[in-house]
Amino acid sequence: GYETFVKCKGVLDTVVCLVSCTDSHSKANVNRSMEDALQNTCDLIRTAKQDGVRVQAYASLAFGCPFEGDVDPKVVENIFQHYVEAGADVMVLADTLGVGTPVQVKELVKVASDTVKDLSKIGMHVHDAHGKASENIQAAAKLGVRRFDSAVGGCGGCNFVPDADGNIATETVLRVLDHMNISHGMDRKAIEKANRHLQQCLGRKLIQFG
């Protein structure tokens, strides 16, 4: 994958990589143990940084795993510590299963902040399987997090997470940020246009601005 990225350098500017927080999901997703995947990913991060490439690295399933249940925050801490040492530019807490709560957000953002030492380098990636995604975004924003993944209309999912819902809709994230008076600079009309296009391509309704 990285070799392909290098060929596109100048068009793409950021490498995105992830490590699952459990062995079971790591083996299902990339056919490696968590420790092997972490070592491989950190090697990639170091190579990318030597090449002057920006890296965004994820702790996937940080809030819970469909195969192993609860995830020890110390696992997340360990992954982030390795990312910091490897030189990742941004580190993201990923609620891939969509089971996270605002209480967990507060706990894991503190773990991440204590490890990374810079809130501007910490991001959130949430799915909305149980209707808590907007609350989790709000909880993270209150703590000072300003990086949030989203997908127009709430598209997305994960092939190796049973019944995974889509990523939180960009429209929902902007509604939360607007309500909190947090500036984002996003182009609402462009998002609406993209939403209409995706609905035509997918042949189904998507989440829209209310």
C-alpha atoms as a PDB file:
ATOM      1  CA  GLY A   1       0.000   0.000   0.000  1.00  0.00           C
ATOM      2  CA  TYR A   2       2.719   2.497   0.883  1.00  0.00           C
ATOM      3  CA  GLU A   3       4.541   1.818  -2.387  1.00  0.00           C
ATOM      4  CA  THR A   4       1.353   2.774  -4.242  1.00  0.00           C
ATOM      5  CA  PHE A   5       1.036   5.903  -2.107  1.00  0.00           C
ATOM      6  CA  VAL A   6       4.575   6.984  -3.003  1.00  0.00           C
ATOM      7  CA  LYS A   7       3.667   6.785  -6.692  1.00  0.00           C
ATOM      8  CA  CYS A   8       0.803   9.210  -5.970  1.00  0.00           C
ATOM      9  CA  LYS A   9       2.888  11.639  -3.922  1.00  0.00           C
ATOM     10  CA  GLY A  10       1.907  15.154  -4.857  1.00  0.00           C
ATOM     11  CA  VAL A  11      -1.710  14.082  -5.260  1.00  0.00           C
ATOM     12  CA  LEU A  12      -2.073  12.485  -1.816  1.00  0.00           C
ATOM     13  CA  ASP A  13      -0.422  14.034   1.231  1.00  0.00           C
ATOM     14  CA  THR A  14      -1.311  11.792   4.196  1.00  0.00           C
ATOM     15  CA  VAL A  15      -0.811   8.116   4.999  1.00  0.00           C
ATOM     16  CA  VAL A  16      -3.544   6.600   7.173  1.00  0.00           C
ATOM     17  CA  CYS A  17      -2.785   3.424   9.121  1.00  0.00           C
ATOM     18  CA  LEU A  18      -4.393   1.526  11.990  1.00  0.00           C
ATOM     19  CA  VAL A  19      -3.858  -1.129  14.600  1.00  0.00           C
ATOM     20  CA  SER A  20      -6.746  -3.022  16.168  1.00  0.00           C
ATOM     21  CA  CYS A  21      -6.879  -3.014  19.964  1.00  0.00           C
ATOM     22  CA  THR A  22      -7.548  -6.775  20.137  1.00  0.00           C
ATOM     23  CA  ASP A  23      -5.876  -9.834  18.638  1.00  0.00           C
ATOM     24  CA  SER A  24      -9.153 -11.290  17.399  1.00  0.00           C
ATOM     25  CA  HIS A  25     -10.085  -8.285  15.276  1.00  0.00           C
ATOM     26  CA  SER A  26      -6.503  -7.777  14.119  1.00  0.00           C
ATOM     27  CA  LYS A  27      -6.336 -11.340  12.837  1.00  0.00           C
ATOM     28  CA  ALA A  28      -9.732 -11.009  11.138  1.00  0.00           C
ATOM     29  CA  ASN A  29      -8.853  -7.651   9.608  1.00  0.00           C
ATOM     30  CA  VAL A  30      -5.187  -7.969   8.589  1.00  0.00           C
ATOM     31  CA  ASN A  31      -4.302 -11.595   9.482  1.00  0.00           C
ATOM     32  CA  ARG A  32      -1.725 -10.492  12.064  1.00  0.00           C
ATOM     33  CA  SER A  33      -1.608 -10.465  15.848  1.00  0.00           C
ATOM     34  CA  MET A  34      -2.018  -7.052  17.439  1.00  0.00           C
ATOM     35  CA  GLU A  35       1.670  -6.914  18.418  1.00  0.00           C
ATOM     36  CA  ASP A  36       2.840  -7.892  14.926  1.00  0.00           C
ATOM     37  CA  ALA A  37       0.498  -5.342  13.373  1.00  0.00           C
ATOM     38  CA  LEU A  38       1.744  -2.638  15.751  1.00  0.00           C
ATOM     39  CA  GLN A  39       5.377  -3.339  14.901  1.00  0.00           C
ATOM     40  CA  ASN A  40       4.646  -3.374  11.175  1.00  0.00           C
ATOM     41  CA  THR A  41       2.636  -0.152  11.394  1.00  0.00           C
ATOM     42  CA  CYS A  42       5.323   1.665  13.373  1.00  0.00           C
ATOM     43  CA  ASP A  43       7.917   0.593  10.799  1.00  0.00           C
ATOM     44  CA  LEU A  44       5.676   2.101   8.122  1.00  0.00           C
ATOM     45  CA  ILE A  45       5.282   5.326  10.128  1.00  0.00           C
ATOM     46  CA  ARG A  46       9.044   5.685  10.489  1.00  0.00           C
ATOM     47  CA  THR A  47       9.546   5.104   6.766  1.00  0.00           C
ATOM     48  CA  ALA A  48       6.874   7.649   5.890  1.00  0.00           C
ATOM     49  CA  LYS A  49       8.357  10.276   8.197  1.00  0.00           C
ATOM     50  CA  GLN A  50      11.806   9.725   6.680  1.00  0.00           C
ATOM     51  CA  ASP A  51      10.150  10.446   3.325  1.00  0.00           C
ATOM     52  CA  GLY A  52       8.564  13.629   4.690  1.00  0.00           C
ATOM     53  CA  VAL A  53       5.026  12.224   4.602  1.00  0.00           C
ATOM     54  CA  ARG A  54       2.292  13.150   7.079  1.00  0.00           C
ATOM     55  CA  VAL A  55       0.878  10.151   9.019  1.00  0.00           C
ATOM     56  CA  GLN A  56      -2.490   9.723  10.743  1.00  0.00           C
ATOM     57  CA  ALA A  57      -2.553   6.567  12.896  1.00  0.00           C
ATOM     58  CA  TYR A  58      -5.582   4.899  14.503  1.00  0.00           C
ATOM     59  CA  ALA A  59      -6.277   2.761  17.560  1.00  0.00           C
ATOM     60  CA  SER A  60      -9.160   0.785  16.068  1.00  0.00           C
ATOM     61  CA  LEU A  61     -11.897  -0.657  18.333  1.00  0.00           C
ATOM     62  CA  ALA A  62     -10.591   1.435  21.233  1.00  0.00           C
ATOM     63  CA  PHE A  63     -14.068   1.513  22.802  1.00  0.00           C
ATOM     64  CA  GLY A  64     -14.979  -2.162  22.471  1.00  0.00           C
ATOM     65  CA  CYS A  65     -14.509  -5.246  20.282  1.00  0.00           C
ATOM     66  CA  PRO A  66     -17.229  -7.509  18.794  1.00  0.00           C
ATOM     67  CA  PHE A  67     -15.074 -10.557  19.527  1.00  0.00           C
ATOM     68  CA  GLU A  68     -13.447  -9.751  22.890  1.00  0.00           C
ATOM     69  CA  GLY A  69     -15.733  -7.158  24.469  1.00  0.00           C
ATOM     70  CA  ASP A  70     -14.278  -4.364  26.600  1.00  0.00           C
ATOM     71  CA  VAL A  71     -10.839  -2.990  25.759  1.00  0.00           C
ATOM     72  CA  ASP A  72      -8.381  -2.090  28.531  1.00  0.00           C
ATOM     73  CA  PRO A  73      -7.411   1.613  28.206  1.00  0.00           C
ATOM     74  CA  LYS A  74      -3.812   0.515  28.818  1.00  0.00           C
ATOM     75  CA  VAL A  75      -3.904  -1.186  25.406  1.00  0.00           C
ATOM     76  CA  VAL A  76      -4.817   2.134  23.810  1.00  0.00           C
ATOM     77  CA  GLU A  77      -2.090   3.855  25.817  1.00  0.00           C
ATOM     78  CA  ASN A  78       0.478   1.322  24.586  1.00  0.00           C
ATOM     79  CA  ILE A  79      -0.534   1.752  20.951  1.00  0.00           C
ATOM     80  CA  PHE A  80      -0.434   5.535  21.177  1.00  0.00           C
ATOM     81  CA  GLN A  81       2.940   5.457  22.938  1.00  0.00           C
ATOM     82  CA  HIS A  82       4.354   3.436  20.051  1.00  0.00           C
ATOM     83  CA  TYR A  83       2.817   5.888  17.579  1.00  0.00           C
ATOM     84  CA  VAL A  84       4.382   8.845  19.386  1.00  0.00           C
ATOM     85  CA  GLU A  85       7.809   7.183  19.384  1.00  0.00           C
ATOM     86  CA  ALA A  86       7.467   6.337  15.675  1.00  0.00           C
ATOM     87  CA  GLY A  87       6.612   9.963  14.869  1.00  0.00           C
ATOM     88  CA  ALA A  88       2.936   9.901  13.857  1.00  0.00           C
ATOM     89  CA  ASP A  89       1.492  13.373  13.263  1.00  0.00           C
ATOM     90  CA  VAL A  90      -2.087  12.601  14.338  1.00  0.00           C
ATOM     91  CA  MET A  91      -3.415   9.794  16.534  1.00  0.00           C
ATOM     92  CA  VAL A  92      -7.072   8.824  16.429  1.00  0.00           C
ATOM     93  CA  LEU A  93      -9.334   7.053  18.937  1.00  0.00           C
ATOM     94  CA  ALA A  94     -11.656   4.888  16.858  1.00  0.00           C
ATOM     95  CA  ASP A  95     -15.040   3.644  18.071  1.00  0.00           C
ATOM     96  CA  THR A  96     -15.304   1.236  15.143  1.00  0.00           C
ATOM     97  CA  LEU A  97     -18.138  -0.739  16.732  1.00  0.00           C
ATOM     98  CA  GLY A  98     -20.172   2.297  17.750  1.00  0.00           C
ATOM     99  CA  VAL A  99     -20.486   1.229  21.399  1.00  0.00           C
ATOM    100  CA  GLY A 100     -18.661   4.140  23.015  1.00  0.00           C
ATOM    101  CA  THR A 101     -20.193   6.426  25.628  1.00  0.00           C
ATOM    102  CA  PRO A 102     -19.357   9.976  26.735  1.00  0.00           C
ATOM    103  CA  VAL A 103     -17.855   8.518  29.926  1.00  0.00           C
ATOM    104  CA  GLN A 104     -15.505   6.356  27.861  1.00  0.00           C
ATOM    105  CA  VAL A 105     -14.677   9.312  25.640  1.00  0.00           C
ATOM    106  CA  LYS A 106     -13.600  11.313  28.685  1.00  0.00           C
ATOM    107  CA  GLU A 107     -11.448   8.435  29.956  1.00  0.00           C
ATOM    108  CA  LEU A 108      -9.768   7.661  26.637  1.00  0.00           C
ATOM    109  CA  VAL A 109      -9.195  11.284  25.657  1.00  0.00           C
ATOM    110  CA  LYS A 110      -7.370  11.704  28.991  1.00  0.00           C
ATOM    111  CA  VAL A 111      -5.302   8.580  28.284  1.00  0.00           C
ATOM    112  CA  ALA A 112      -4.487   9.894  24.817  1.00  0.00           C
ATOM    113  CA  SER A 113      -3.728  13.402  26.048  1.00  0.00           C
ATOM    114  CA  ASP A 114      -1.440  12.133  28.812  1.00  0.00           C
ATOM    115  CA  THR A 115       0.424  10.009  26.256  1.00  0.00           C
ATOM    116  CA  VAL A 116       0.581  12.345  23.268  1.00  0.00           C
ATOM    117  CA  LYS A 117       0.946  15.574  25.314  1.00  0.00           C
ATOM    118  CA  ASP A 118      -0.761  17.597  22.576  1.00  0.00           C
ATOM    119  CA  LEU A 119      -4.555  17.666  22.126  1.00  0.00           C
ATOM    120  CA  SER A 120      -4.196  19.128  18.644  1.00  0.00           C
ATOM    121  CA  LYS A 121      -2.738  15.782  17.530  1.00  0.00           C
ATOM    122  CA  ILE A 122      -5.665  13.713  18.838  1.00  0.00           C
ATOM    123  CA  GLY A 123      -8.716  12.817  16.768  1.00  0.00           C
ATOM    124  CA  MET A 124     -11.983  10.898  17.101  1.00  0.00           C
ATOM    125  CA  HIS A 125     -13.520   8.384  14.701  1.00  0.00           C
ATOM    126  CA  VAL A 126     -17.023   7.270  15.661  1.00  0.00           C
ATOM    127  CA  HIS A 127     -19.793   5.095  14.270  1.00  0.00           C
ATOM    128  CA  ASP A 128     -23.436   5.573  15.183  1.00  0.00           C
ATOM    129  CA  ALA A 129     -24.645   2.017  15.824  1.00  0.00           C
ATOM    130  CA  HIS A 130     -26.388   2.925  19.083  1.00  0.00           C
ATOM    131  CA  GLY A 131     -27.266   6.581  18.588  1.00  0.00           C
ATOM    132  CA  LYS A 132     -24.474   7.873  20.849  1.00  0.00           C
ATOM    133  CA  ALA A 133     -22.148   9.259  18.191  1.00  0.00           C
ATOM    134  CA  SER A 134     -23.246  12.887  18.418  1.00  0.00           C
ATOM    135  CA  GLU A 135     -22.994  12.786  22.235  1.00  0.00           C
ATOM    136  CA  ASN A 136     -19.500  11.342  21.930  1.00  0.00           C
ATOM    137  CA  ILE A 137     -18.428  14.053  19.495  1.00  0.00           C
ATOM    138  CA  GLN A 138     -19.807  16.675  21.869  1.00  0.00           C
ATOM    139  CA  ALA A 139     -17.990  15.106  24.837  1.00  0.00           C
ATOM    140  CA  ALA A 140     -14.687  15.076  22.952  1.00  0.00           C
ATOM    141  CA  ALA A 141     -15.158  18.652  21.731  1.00  0.00           C
ATOM    142  CA  LYS A 142     -15.785  19.821  25.301  1.00  0.00           C
ATOM    143  CA  LEU A 143     -12.422  18.314  26.238  1.00  0.00           C
ATOM    144  CA  GLY A 144     -10.672  20.245  23.474  1.00  0.00           C
ATOM    145  CA  VAL A 145     -10.519  17.677  20.663  1.00  0.00           C
ATOM    146  CA  ARG A 146     -10.902  19.356  17.260  1.00  0.00           C
ATOM    147  CA  ARG A 147     -10.264  16.523  14.804  1.00  0.00           C
ATOM    148  CA  PHE A 148     -13.289  14.424  13.851  1.00  0.00           C
ATOM    149  CA  ASP A 149     -13.690  11.870  11.081  1.00  0.00           C
ATOM    150  CA  SER A 150     -17.048  11.855   9.340  1.00  0.00           C
ATOM    151  CA  ALA A 151     -18.694  10.679   6.128  1.00  0.00           C
ATOM    152  CA  VAL A 152     -21.179  12.603   4.022  1.00  0.00           C
ATOM    153  CA  GLY A 153     -24.626  11.194   4.723  1.00  0.00           C
ATOM    154  CA  GLY A 154     -23.304   8.674   7.249  1.00  0.00           C
ATOM    155  CA  CYS A 155     -21.789   6.247   4.736  1.00  0.00           C
ATOM    156  CA  GLY A 156     -19.202   3.655   5.699  1.00  0.00           C
ATOM    157  CA  GLY A 157     -18.804   0.630   7.923  1.00  0.00           C
ATOM    158  CA  CYS A 158     -16.315  -2.199   8.463  1.00  0.00           C
ATOM    159  CA  ASN A 159     -16.218  -5.577   6.706  1.00  0.00           C
ATOM    160  CA  PHE A 160     -14.847  -7.286   9.804  1.00  0.00           C
ATOM    161  CA  VAL A 161     -17.191  -5.793  12.396  1.00  0.00           C
ATOM    162  CA  PRO A 162     -20.561  -7.593  12.374  1.00  0.00           C
ATOM    163  CA  ASP A 163     -23.535  -5.253  11.790  1.00  0.00           C
ATOM    164  CA  ALA A 164     -21.301  -2.164  11.812  1.00  0.00           C
ATOM    165  CA  ASP A 165     -23.220   1.017  11.060  1.00  0.00           C
ATOM    166  CA  GLY A 166     -21.799   3.833   9.001  1.00  0.00           C
ATOM    167  CA  ASN A 167     -19.479   6.561  10.190  1.00  0.00           C
ATOM    168  CA  ILE A 168     -21.074   9.559  11.846  1.00  0.00           C
ATOM    169  CA  ALA A 169     -22.545  11.837   9.193  1.00  0.00           C
ATOM    170  CA  THR A 170     -20.639  15.009   8.374  1.00  0.00           C
ATOM    171  CA  GLU A 171     -23.982  16.759   8.619  1.00  0.00           C
ATOM    172  CA  THR A 172     -24.390  15.544  12.219  1.00  0.00           C
ATOM    173  CA  VAL A 173     -20.881  16.614  13.231  1.00  0.00           C
ATOM    174  CA  LEU A 174     -21.438  20.111  11.854  1.00  0.00           C
ATOM    175  CA  ARG A 175     -24.742  20.374  13.691  1.00  0.00           C
ATOM    176  CA  VAL A 176     -22.989  19.517  16.967  1.00  0.00           C
ATOM    177  CA  LEU A 177     -20.157  21.963  16.333  1.00  0.00           C
ATOM    178  CA  ASP A 178     -22.546  24.739  15.311  1.00  0.00           C
ATOM    179  CA  HIS A 179     -24.567  24.157  18.486  1.00  0.00           C
ATOM    180  CA  MET A 180     -21.354  24.489  20.507  1.00  0.00           C
ATOM    181  CA  ASN A 181     -20.301  27.616  18.580  1.00  0.00           C
ATOM    182  CA  ILE A 182     -17.132  25.885  17.380  1.00  0.00           C
ATOM    183  CA  SER A 183     -15.861  27.188  14.043  1.00  0.00           C
ATOM    184  CA  HIS A 184     -15.223  24.550  11.355  1.00  0.00           C
ATOM    185  CA  GLY A 185     -15.047  26.329   7.993  1.00  0.00           C
ATOM    186  CA  MET A 186     -16.905  23.565   6.133  1.00  0.00           C
ATOM    187  CA  ASP A 187     -18.841  24.382   2.952  1.00  0.00           C
ATOM    188  CA  ARG A 188     -22.458  23.415   3.644  1.00  0.00           C
ATOM    189  CA  LYS A 189     -23.555  23.745   0.010  1.00  0.00           C
ATOM    190  CA  ALA A 190     -20.712  21.515  -1.181  1.00  0.00           C
ATOM    191  CA  ILE A 191     -21.677  18.885   1.391  1.00  0.00           C
ATOM    192  CA  GLU A 192     -25.323  19.024   0.306  1.00  0.00           C
ATOM    193  CA  LYS A 193     -24.236  18.588  -3.326  1.00  0.00           C
ATOM    194  CA  ALA A 194     -22.046  15.605  -2.433  1.00  0.00           C
ATOM    195  CA  ASN A 195     -24.925  14.102  -0.441  1.00  0.00           C
ATOM    196  CA  ARG A 196     -27.289  14.317  -3.424  1.00  0.00           C
ATOM    197  CA  HIS A 197     -24.678  12.739  -5.683  1.00  0.00           C
ATOM    198  CA  LEU A 198     -24.069   9.863  -3.263  1.00  0.00           C
ATOM    199  CA  GLN A 199     -27.791   9.200  -2.935  1.00  0.00           C
ATOM    200  CA  GLN A 200     -28.013   8.873  -6.714  1.00  0.00           C
ATOM    201  CA  CYS A 201     -24.990   6.557  -6.849  1.00  0.00           C
ATOM    202  CA  LEU A 202     -26.122   4.347  -3.964  1.00  0.00           C
ATOM    203  CA  GLY A 203     -29.826   4.422  -4.739  1.00  0.00           C
ATOM    204  CA  ARG A 204     -30.821   5.051  -1.147  1.00  0.00           C
ATOM    205  CA  LYS A 205     -31.554   7.864   1.278  1.00  0.00           C
ATOM    206  CA  LEU A 206     -28.738   9.277   3.387  1.00  0.00           C
ATOM    207  CA  ILE A 207     -28.646  11.472   6.473  1.00  0.00           C
ATOM    208  CA  GLN A 208     -29.069  15.112   5.494  1.00  0.00           C
ATOM    209  CA  PHE A 209     -28.962  18.516   7.150  1.00  0.00           C
ATOM    210  CA  GLY A 210     -32.120  18.894   9.239  1.00  0.00           C
END
